[in-house]
Amino acid sequence: MKTAASSSCDTVVKQWQKRLRRFSNKVEAASFHKFCSWLEDLYRAEMNSFIDTNFDSPLDLVRPWRDGLRLVQMGAFRKLDKKIGSFFRDDRLQRIFSFQSMYAGLAPYEALSLYAVITYMDSVEGVYFPEGGMHAMATGLANAVTKAGVQIRYDSPVTRILRSAGSRGAVVGVELGGSERVVADAVVCNPDLPVAYRTLLGGVDAPRVARTGKYSPSCLLWIAGVKGMPPANAAHHNIHFGRDWNGAFKALIEDGVRMPDPSILVTLHSLDTQGLAPDGHSSLYVLEPTPNLDGKIDWSRERDRIMGDIRERVGRLGYPTDVVVERIYDPLDWERLGMERGTPFALAHTFRQTGPFRPNNIDKRVPGLFFVGSSTVPGVGVPMVLVSGKLAARRIGDYAAIRGGR
């Protein structure tokens, strides 16, 4: 986290302005300094008071009134596309600095400017890739907790969260594999929240917003090891936008169909990390946003055709497509992996599904149970999910103090 005395903008403005002068023009480049300062102020106003915090009721929104007033003054409740357009006239830059709303399950024309905080994290704080691949992050966390005394048991499926008084009291542990019981005073639950309620907590309905709310779009993900090298001008992350910007979001989010001219992300992990592919070969991570399982695509019939389209487009863009090994994940696969509505991006971040309106990380009906992950507070993405763990830890500390005082 940045302190008030430091500024990420101080280090990135010159870099961005140099790029923008080359990509667009000097007027747009000059606008970036004002834009970056706005993003940083937005981040500071949101992080401590509205992201890195637990909520007990909607009234908690008004308590940090200074930050709330600051957000109003900054235009944080205007539509994102309009706010970005107030800084940049080049529609390409408007796309570059607003597409991040997709991470929150929203089109730029429907998202509030609040969600430009994601743009700040992407474009100012920067995107980082762990040495050794994303799995290195999971193994790093596992090593850290193991050193702290945690015992990790793999291949031990949790089949039920156990409670005193049958299905009405506080949690007393978990059931593994349908028979073994592990005693615990508190349980931290990290499966997708609505799925956890449905499969592990018999007799307790998930919060209404989890049952009837709006879920984010899903994606078709193609991960492949391929023969050959990417184009010379390729970067680690490459976003290829389709032509019909608003029409693409309408198709995806409102109509539940595939984008007519899909935008895709092509990530080349092997470009920067040796050992992820043999010499002369590459790893591809290709993602196309798609409707979730509430949409109109029959994935059992359409998957192969859509994958063929993606392979063809990736090849036309100059990337190698001679596959050595590959894995493909569509919404049905995400559902099998335990993700509600077949989306890895959870509940969309509409205003009524954010902060105190999002499923809470505690449930008064089940004392001792704490939720982490994308479907609880604060929301979607690796940074937010890590924050969710910190928020749950605070809850557990409060719970332990209450129990100890009895």
Protein backbone atom coordinates (compact mmCIF):
# COMPACT_ATOMS: atom_id res chain seq x y z
CA MET A 1 0.00 0.00 0.00
CA LYS A 2 1.26 3.51 -0.78
CA THR A 3 1.41 6.10 1.99
CA ALA A 4 0.10 9.62 1.63
CA ALA A 5 3.70 10.86 1.48
CA SER A 6 4.58 8.80 -1.58
CA SER A 7 3.16 8.88 -5.07
CA SER A 8 3.13 6.14 -7.67
CA CYS A 9 2.35 8.79 -10.28
CA ASP A 10 5.74 10.40 -9.69
CA THR A 11 7.43 7.34 -11.16
CA VAL A 12 5.09 6.39 -14.00
CA VAL A 13 3.91 9.67 -15.55
CA LYS A 14 7.04 10.26 -17.63
CA GLN A 15 7.01 6.66 -18.86
CA TRP A 16 3.34 6.86 -19.85
CA GLN A 17 3.67 10.28 -21.45
CA LYS A 18 6.52 9.06 -23.63
CA ARG A 19 4.40 6.12 -24.79
CA LEU A 20 1.30 8.22 -25.36
CA ARG A 21 3.13 10.83 -27.42
CA ARG A 22 4.29 8.04 -29.69
CA PHE A 23 0.97 6.19 -29.71
CA SER A 24 -1.43 9.15 -29.88
CA ASN A 25 -0.34 12.80 -29.57
CA LYS A 26 1.22 15.29 -27.16
CA VAL A 27 -2.15 16.64 -25.98
CA GLU A 28 -3.29 13.22 -24.81
CA ALA A 29 0.12 12.59 -23.28
CA ALA A 30 -0.11 15.80 -21.28
CA SER A 31 -3.56 14.75 -20.00
CA PHE A 32 -2.11 11.66 -18.38
CA HIS A 33 -0.61 13.56 -15.43
CA LYS A 34 -4.04 14.87 -14.39
CA PHE A 35 -5.58 11.45 -15.00
CA CYS A 36 -2.93 9.67 -12.93
CA SER A 37 -3.39 12.09 -10.02
CA TRP A 38 -7.14 11.49 -10.15
CA LEU A 39 -6.62 7.72 -10.13
CA GLU A 40 -4.28 7.91 -7.16
CA ASP A 41 -6.69 10.10 -5.17
CA LEU A 42 -9.47 7.65 -6.01
CA TYR A 43 -7.40 4.72 -4.78
CA ARG A 44 -6.53 6.42 -1.51
CA ALA A 45 -10.14 7.40 -0.84
CA GLU A 46 -11.43 3.89 -1.54
CA MET A 47 -8.80 1.55 -0.14
CA ASN A 48 -8.84 2.10 3.61
CA SER A 49 -12.47 3.14 4.00
CA PHE A 50 -14.31 1.00 1.46
CA ILE A 51 -12.08 -1.89 0.27
CA ASP A 52 -9.79 -2.90 3.12
CA THR A 53 -12.61 -2.94 5.66
CA ASN A 54 -15.35 -5.16 7.03
CA PHE A 55 -18.98 -4.11 6.78
CA ASP A 56 -21.74 -4.95 9.23
CA SER A 57 -24.51 -2.90 7.60
CA PRO A 58 -25.05 -0.39 4.78
CA LEU A 59 -24.80 2.35 7.41
CA ASP A 60 -21.06 1.64 7.52
CA LEU A 61 -20.83 3.42 4.15
CA VAL A 62 -21.54 6.81 5.72
CA ARG A 63 -19.15 6.58 8.65
CA PRO A 64 -15.99 7.39 6.66
CA TRP A 65 -17.82 10.51 5.48
CA ARG A 66 -14.69 12.45 4.53
CA ASP A 67 -13.60 9.81 2.02
CA GLY A 68 -17.19 9.43 0.84
CA LEU A 69 -17.50 13.17 0.25
CA ARG A 70 -14.16 13.15 -1.52
CA LEU A 71 -15.38 10.44 -3.88
CA VAL A 72 -18.50 12.44 -4.70
CA GLN A 73 -16.40 15.52 -5.42
CA MET A 74 -14.12 13.49 -7.68
CA GLY A 75 -17.00 12.25 -9.80
CA ALA A 76 -16.58 8.65 -8.66
CA PHE A 77 -20.32 8.01 -9.08
CA ARG A 78 -20.40 9.13 -12.71
CA LYS A 79 -20.34 6.50 -15.45
CA LEU A 80 -16.84 5.24 -16.10
CA ASP A 81 -16.79 5.77 -19.86
CA LYS A 82 -17.88 9.41 -19.48
CA LYS A 83 -15.27 10.08 -16.79
CA ILE A 84 -12.43 8.56 -18.82
CA GLY A 85 -13.66 10.56 -21.82
CA SER A 86 -13.24 13.75 -19.79
CA PHE A 87 -9.49 13.07 -19.74
CA PHE A 88 -8.87 11.62 -23.21
CA ARG A 89 -10.46 12.27 -26.60
CA ASP A 90 -8.68 9.42 -28.39
CA ASP A 91 -11.20 6.58 -28.30
CA ARG A 92 -8.35 4.06 -28.25
CA LEU A 93 -7.13 5.52 -24.96
CA GLN A 94 -10.67 5.54 -23.63
CA ARG A 95 -10.74 1.79 -24.25
CA ILE A 96 -7.29 1.18 -22.76
CA PHE A 97 -8.21 2.93 -19.52
CA SER A 98 -11.79 1.65 -19.15
CA PHE A 99 -11.80 -1.99 -20.29
CA GLN A 100 -10.78 -2.99 -16.75
CA SER A 101 -14.44 -2.72 -15.74
CA MET A 102 -14.78 -6.13 -17.39
CA TYR A 103 -12.84 -7.56 -14.45
CA ALA A 104 -15.77 -6.41 -12.31
CA GLY A 105 -18.32 -7.90 -14.69
CA LEU A 106 -19.50 -4.56 -16.09
CA ALA A 107 -19.34 -2.62 -19.34
CA PRO A 108 -17.63 0.78 -19.15
CA TYR A 109 -20.94 2.49 -20.00
CA GLU A 110 -22.69 0.91 -16.99
CA ALA A 111 -19.84 0.84 -14.43
CA LEU A 112 -19.38 3.65 -11.94
CA SER A 113 -16.10 5.56 -12.04
CA LEU A 114 -15.37 3.97 -8.66
CA TYR A 115 -14.08 0.98 -10.55
CA ALA A 116 -11.30 2.99 -12.16
CA VAL A 117 -9.46 1.88 -9.03
CA ILE A 118 -8.74 -1.27 -11.07
CA THR A 119 -7.20 0.91 -13.77
CA TYR A 120 -4.98 2.44 -11.08
CA MET A 121 -3.79 -0.99 -9.99
CA ASP A 122 -3.18 -2.03 -13.61
CA SER A 123 -1.71 1.10 -15.12
CA VAL A 124 -0.05 2.88 -12.21
CA GLU A 125 0.92 0.30 -9.59
CA GLY A 126 1.66 -2.13 -12.41
CA VAL A 127 1.08 -5.80 -13.23
CA TYR A 128 3.51 -8.33 -11.81
CA PHE A 129 4.25 -11.90 -12.82
CA PRO A 130 5.83 -14.36 -10.34
CA GLU A 131 9.09 -15.98 -11.39
CA GLY A 132 8.24 -19.55 -12.27
CA GLY A 133 4.66 -18.81 -13.30
CA MET A 134 1.43 -18.08 -11.42
CA HIS A 135 1.66 -21.42 -9.62
CA ALA A 136 4.72 -20.03 -7.84
CA MET A 137 2.39 -17.67 -5.99
CA ALA A 138 0.34 -20.56 -4.62
CA THR A 139 3.42 -22.54 -3.61
CA GLY A 140 4.91 -19.41 -2.02
CA LEU A 141 1.82 -18.90 0.11
CA ALA A 142 1.78 -22.60 1.00
CA ASN A 143 5.43 -22.45 2.08
CA ALA A 144 4.77 -19.36 4.20
CA VAL A 145 1.85 -20.84 6.13
CA THR A 146 3.64 -24.18 6.54
CA LYS A 147 6.60 -22.41 8.13
CA ALA A 148 4.12 -20.71 10.47
CA GLY A 149 2.91 -24.11 11.69
CA VAL A 150 -0.02 -24.83 9.39
CA GLN A 151 -0.58 -28.41 8.25
CA ILE A 152 -1.86 -28.62 4.66
CA ARG A 153 -3.73 -31.75 3.62
CA TYR A 154 -4.15 -32.24 -0.10
CA ASP A 155 -6.60 -34.63 -1.80
CA SER A 156 -8.88 -34.38 1.22
CA PRO A 157 -12.24 -33.14 -0.06
CA VAL A 158 -14.40 -31.33 2.49
CA THR A 159 -17.90 -32.81 2.28
CA ARG A 160 -19.64 -30.90 5.09
CA ILE A 161 -19.18 -28.07 7.56
CA LEU A 162 -20.05 -29.48 10.96
CA ARG A 163 -22.12 -27.58 13.52
CA SER A 164 -23.16 -28.08 17.10
CA ALA A 165 -26.83 -28.92 17.65
CA GLY A 166 -27.02 -30.63 14.28
CA SER A 167 -27.54 -27.90 11.71
CA ARG A 168 -28.33 -24.91 13.92
CA GLY A 169 -25.37 -24.09 16.17
CA ALA A 170 -21.84 -22.78 15.83
CA VAL A 171 -19.32 -24.58 13.66
CA VAL A 172 -17.35 -27.35 15.34
CA GLY A 173 -15.24 -28.53 12.41
CA VAL A 174 -15.42 -30.12 8.98
CA GLU A 175 -16.10 -33.54 7.54
CA LEU A 176 -13.57 -34.97 5.07
CA GLY A 177 -14.45 -37.53 2.46
CA GLY A 178 -17.85 -38.22 3.99
CA SER A 179 -16.51 -39.81 7.18
CA GLU A 180 -13.44 -38.26 8.83
CA ARG A 181 -14.05 -35.34 11.20
CA VAL A 182 -11.64 -32.52 11.93
CA VAL A 183 -12.48 -30.47 15.01
CA ALA A 184 -12.18 -26.67 14.75
CA ASP A 185 -13.43 -23.62 16.63
CA ALA A 186 -13.53 -21.61 13.40
CA VAL A 187 -13.75 -22.55 9.73
CA VAL A 188 -12.49 -20.37 6.87
CA CYS A 189 -14.37 -21.32 3.72
CA ASN A 190 -12.83 -20.49 0.34
CA PRO A 191 -14.97 -22.30 -2.24
CA ASP A 192 -17.18 -19.99 -4.29
CA LEU A 193 -19.61 -18.70 -1.67
CA PRO A 194 -22.96 -19.71 -3.25
CA VAL A 195 -21.58 -23.16 -4.03
CA ALA A 196 -20.37 -23.52 -0.43
CA TYR A 197 -23.82 -22.74 0.92
CA ARG A 198 -25.45 -25.19 -1.45
CA THR A 199 -23.04 -28.10 -0.99
CA LEU A 200 -21.53 -27.75 2.51
CA LEU A 201 -24.21 -26.04 4.61
CA GLY A 202 -27.38 -28.09 4.34
CA GLY A 203 -30.42 -26.13 5.48
CA VAL A 204 -28.87 -22.64 5.24
CA ASP A 205 -29.76 -20.59 2.18
CA ALA A 206 -27.13 -18.35 0.65
CA PRO A 207 -27.76 -14.60 0.87
CA ARG A 208 -30.37 -13.48 -1.62
CA VAL A 209 -27.90 -11.51 -3.72
CA ALA A 210 -25.85 -14.69 -4.23
CA ARG A 211 -28.95 -16.60 -5.33
CA THR A 212 -30.64 -14.04 -7.55
CA GLY A 213 -27.94 -11.46 -8.32
CA LYS A 214 -26.16 -10.59 -11.54
CA TYR A 215 -23.08 -12.69 -12.27
CA SER A 216 -20.08 -11.57 -14.30
CA PRO A 217 -19.43 -12.87 -17.80
CA SER A 218 -17.26 -15.98 -18.05
CA CYS A 219 -14.48 -16.78 -20.48
CA LEU A 220 -13.11 -19.39 -22.81
CA LEU A 221 -9.49 -19.97 -21.87
CA TRP A 222 -6.95 -21.69 -24.09
CA ILE A 223 -3.60 -22.56 -22.50
CA ALA A 224 -1.11 -24.11 -24.89
CA GLY A 225 2.52 -24.99 -25.38
CA VAL A 226 3.29 -24.29 -29.03
CA LYS A 227 6.19 -24.63 -31.43
CA GLY A 228 7.71 -21.35 -32.51
CA MET A 229 8.15 -17.83 -31.18
CA PRO A 230 5.73 -14.89 -30.98
CA PRO A 231 6.00 -11.75 -33.15
CA ALA A 232 8.99 -9.53 -32.36
CA ASN A 233 6.74 -6.70 -31.13
CA ALA A 234 4.71 -8.90 -28.77
CA ALA A 235 4.65 -8.04 -25.06
CA HIS A 236 3.93 -10.16 -22.01
CA HIS A 237 0.25 -9.10 -22.08
CA ASN A 238 -1.36 -8.30 -25.43
CA ILE A 239 -4.96 -7.10 -25.69
CA HIS A 240 -6.55 -7.19 -29.12
CA PHE A 241 -9.77 -5.17 -29.13
CA GLY A 242 -12.66 -5.89 -31.46
CA ARG A 243 -14.07 -3.08 -33.59
CA ASP A 244 -17.62 -2.69 -32.19
CA TRP A 245 -16.82 -1.62 -28.61
CA ASN A 246 -20.26 -0.97 -27.10
CA GLY A 247 -21.90 -3.60 -29.29
CA ALA A 248 -19.50 -6.22 -27.95
CA PHE A 249 -20.45 -5.46 -24.34
CA LYS A 250 -24.15 -5.44 -25.17
CA ALA A 251 -23.89 -8.86 -26.82
CA LEU A 252 -21.87 -10.32 -23.97
CA ILE A 253 -23.61 -8.84 -20.92
CA GLU A 254 -27.13 -7.95 -22.03
CA ASP A 255 -27.89 -10.47 -24.79
CA GLY A 256 -25.91 -13.44 -23.44
CA VAL A 257 -24.28 -14.23 -26.79
CA ARG A 258 -20.72 -14.21 -28.07
CA MET A 259 -19.14 -10.89 -28.99
CA PRO A 260 -19.68 -10.38 -32.74
CA ASP A 261 -16.06 -9.23 -33.10
CA PRO A 262 -14.43 -10.61 -29.94
CA SER A 263 -11.70 -8.88 -27.98
CA ILE A 264 -9.06 -11.29 -26.73
CA LEU A 265 -6.14 -11.32 -24.31
CA VAL A 266 -2.96 -13.12 -25.35
CA THR A 267 -0.42 -13.58 -22.55
CA LEU A 268 3.06 -14.92 -23.24
CA HIS A 269 4.42 -16.11 -19.91
CA SER A 270 7.42 -17.77 -21.52
CA LEU A 271 8.49 -14.48 -23.09
CA ASP A 272 9.93 -13.25 -19.79
CA THR A 273 10.52 -16.39 -17.74
CA GLN A 274 13.03 -18.98 -18.83
CA GLY A 275 12.05 -22.59 -18.32
CA LEU A 276 8.33 -22.17 -19.00
CA ALA A 277 8.88 -23.41 -22.57
CA PRO A 278 11.81 -25.07 -24.37
CA ASP A 279 14.09 -22.95 -26.55
CA GLY A 280 12.32 -21.99 -29.74
CA HIS A 281 8.90 -22.72 -28.26
CA SER A 282 6.28 -20.60 -26.48
CA SER A 283 3.48 -20.78 -23.99
CA LEU A 284 0.17 -19.18 -24.93
CA TYR A 285 -2.58 -18.03 -22.58
CA VAL A 286 -5.51 -16.87 -24.70
CA LEU A 287 -8.72 -15.60 -23.11
CA GLU A 288 -11.94 -14.53 -24.78
CA PRO A 289 -14.72 -13.14 -22.55
CA THR A 290 -17.94 -15.09 -23.04
CA PRO A 291 -21.41 -15.20 -21.46
CA ASN A 292 -21.71 -17.26 -18.30
CA LEU A 293 -24.12 -20.18 -18.12
CA ASP A 294 -27.09 -17.82 -17.83
CA GLY A 295 -26.35 -16.92 -21.46
CA LYS A 296 -27.55 -18.48 -24.68
CA ILE A 297 -24.49 -20.47 -25.81
CA ASP A 298 -24.80 -24.27 -25.73
CA TRP A 299 -21.20 -25.08 -24.85
CA SER A 300 -21.65 -28.81 -25.38
CA ARG A 301 -22.32 -28.02 -29.06
CA GLU A 302 -20.47 -24.76 -29.70
CA ARG A 303 -17.14 -25.21 -27.90
CA ASP A 304 -15.18 -26.77 -30.76
CA ARG A 305 -16.40 -24.22 -33.31
CA ILE A 306 -15.59 -21.25 -31.04
CA MET A 307 -12.17 -22.70 -30.24
CA GLY A 308 -11.52 -23.05 -33.96
CA ASP A 309 -12.34 -19.36 -34.41
CA ILE A 310 -9.95 -18.41 -31.60
CA ARG A 311 -7.09 -20.51 -32.99
CA GLU A 312 -7.57 -18.98 -36.41
CA ARG A 313 -7.58 -15.43 -35.07
CA VAL A 314 -4.52 -15.98 -32.90
CA GLY A 315 -2.71 -17.30 -35.98
CA ARG A 316 -3.78 -14.31 -38.08
CA LEU A 317 -2.34 -12.03 -35.40
CA GLY A 318 1.03 -13.67 -35.94
CA TYR A 319 1.28 -15.93 -32.91
CA PRO A 320 2.45 -19.55 -33.31
CA THR A 321 -0.37 -22.10 -33.09
CA ASP A 322 1.38 -25.44 -33.71
CA VAL A 323 0.22 -27.11 -30.49
CA VAL A 324 2.37 -29.50 -28.48
CA VAL A 325 0.16 -29.59 -25.40
CA GLU A 326 -3.00 -27.70 -24.48
CA ARG A 327 -5.85 -27.30 -22.03
CA ILE A 328 -9.16 -25.60 -22.69
CA TYR A 329 -11.61 -24.26 -20.12
CA ASP A 330 -15.13 -23.16 -21.03
CA PRO A 331 -18.00 -22.13 -18.69
CA LEU A 332 -19.03 -25.76 -18.18
CA ASP A 333 -15.49 -26.53 -17.01
CA TRP A 334 -15.54 -23.55 -14.63
CA GLU A 335 -18.82 -24.85 -13.23
CA ARG A 336 -17.29 -28.30 -12.71
CA LEU A 337 -14.44 -26.60 -10.86
CA GLY A 338 -16.97 -25.19 -8.40
CA MET A 339 -17.72 -21.75 -9.80
CA GLU A 340 -21.29 -20.47 -9.73
CA ARG A 341 -22.92 -19.93 -13.15
CA GLY A 342 -19.71 -21.17 -14.75
CA THR A 343 -17.80 -17.92 -14.26
CA PRO A 344 -14.41 -17.53 -12.56
CA PHE A 345 -15.25 -13.84 -11.99
CA ALA A 346 -18.09 -14.32 -9.47
CA LEU A 347 -20.85 -11.80 -8.77
CA ALA A 348 -20.65 -8.66 -10.87
CA HIS A 349 -19.66 -5.50 -9.03
CA THR A 350 -22.82 -3.51 -9.54
CA PHE A 351 -23.33 -0.94 -6.79
CA ARG A 352 -25.96 -3.16 -5.14
CA GLN A 353 -23.51 -6.07 -5.13
CA THR A 354 -20.52 -4.22 -3.69
CA GLY A 355 -19.35 -3.42 -0.16
CA PRO A 356 -22.09 -4.01 2.43
CA PHE A 357 -24.45 -5.22 -0.31
CA ARG A 358 -22.10 -8.05 -1.34
CA PRO A 359 -22.42 -11.40 0.52
CA ASN A 360 -20.72 -10.85 3.85
CA ASN A 361 -17.71 -12.81 5.09
CA ILE A 362 -19.69 -13.87 8.15
CA ASP A 363 -23.20 -15.24 8.62
CA LYS A 364 -24.88 -14.67 11.97
CA ARG A 365 -26.80 -17.90 11.46
CA VAL A 366 -23.54 -19.87 11.47
CA PRO A 367 -21.19 -18.56 14.20
CA GLY A 368 -17.56 -19.45 13.61
CA LEU A 369 -17.82 -19.62 9.81
CA PHE A 370 -15.82 -17.11 7.75
CA PHE A 371 -15.75 -16.66 3.99
CA VAL A 372 -12.91 -15.60 1.71
CA GLY A 373 -12.71 -15.35 -2.06
CA SER A 374 -14.23 -13.49 -4.98
CA SER A 375 -17.90 -13.76 -4.01
CA THR A 376 -17.52 -12.05 -0.66
CA VAL A 377 -15.94 -8.70 0.29
CA PRO A 378 -14.11 -6.93 -1.19
CA GLY A 379 -14.41 -8.75 -4.52
CA VAL A 380 -12.77 -10.18 -7.61
CA GLY A 381 -9.09 -10.47 -8.52
CA VAL A 382 -5.91 -11.67 -6.82
CA PRO A 383 -5.33 -8.43 -4.84
CA MET A 384 -8.93 -8.33 -3.63
CA VAL A 385 -8.98 -12.01 -2.69
CA LEU A 386 -5.80 -11.55 -0.66
CA VAL A 387 -7.50 -8.64 1.10
CA SER A 388 -10.48 -10.92 1.76
CA GLY A 389 -8.15 -13.21 3.72
CA LYS A 390 -6.98 -10.29 5.84
CA LEU A 391 -10.57 -9.22 6.50
CA ALA A 392 -11.51 -12.76 7.53
CA ALA A 393 -8.53 -12.87 9.89
CA ARG A 394 -9.82 -9.73 11.60
CA ARG A 395 -13.22 -11.35 11.96
CA ILE A 396 -11.68 -14.45 13.51
CA GLY A 397 -9.77 -12.31 16.00
CA ASP A 398 -12.98 -10.58 17.05
CA TYR A 399 -14.78 -13.94 17.31
CA ALA A 400 -12.02 -15.44 19.44
CA ALA A 401 -12.09 -12.43 21.74
CA ILE A 402 -15.84 -12.78 22.23
CA ARG A 403 -15.58 -16.50 22.92
CA GLY A 404 -12.69 -15.95 25.30
CA GLY A 405 -14.71 -13.41 27.25
CA ARG A 406 -17.53 -15.80 27.94
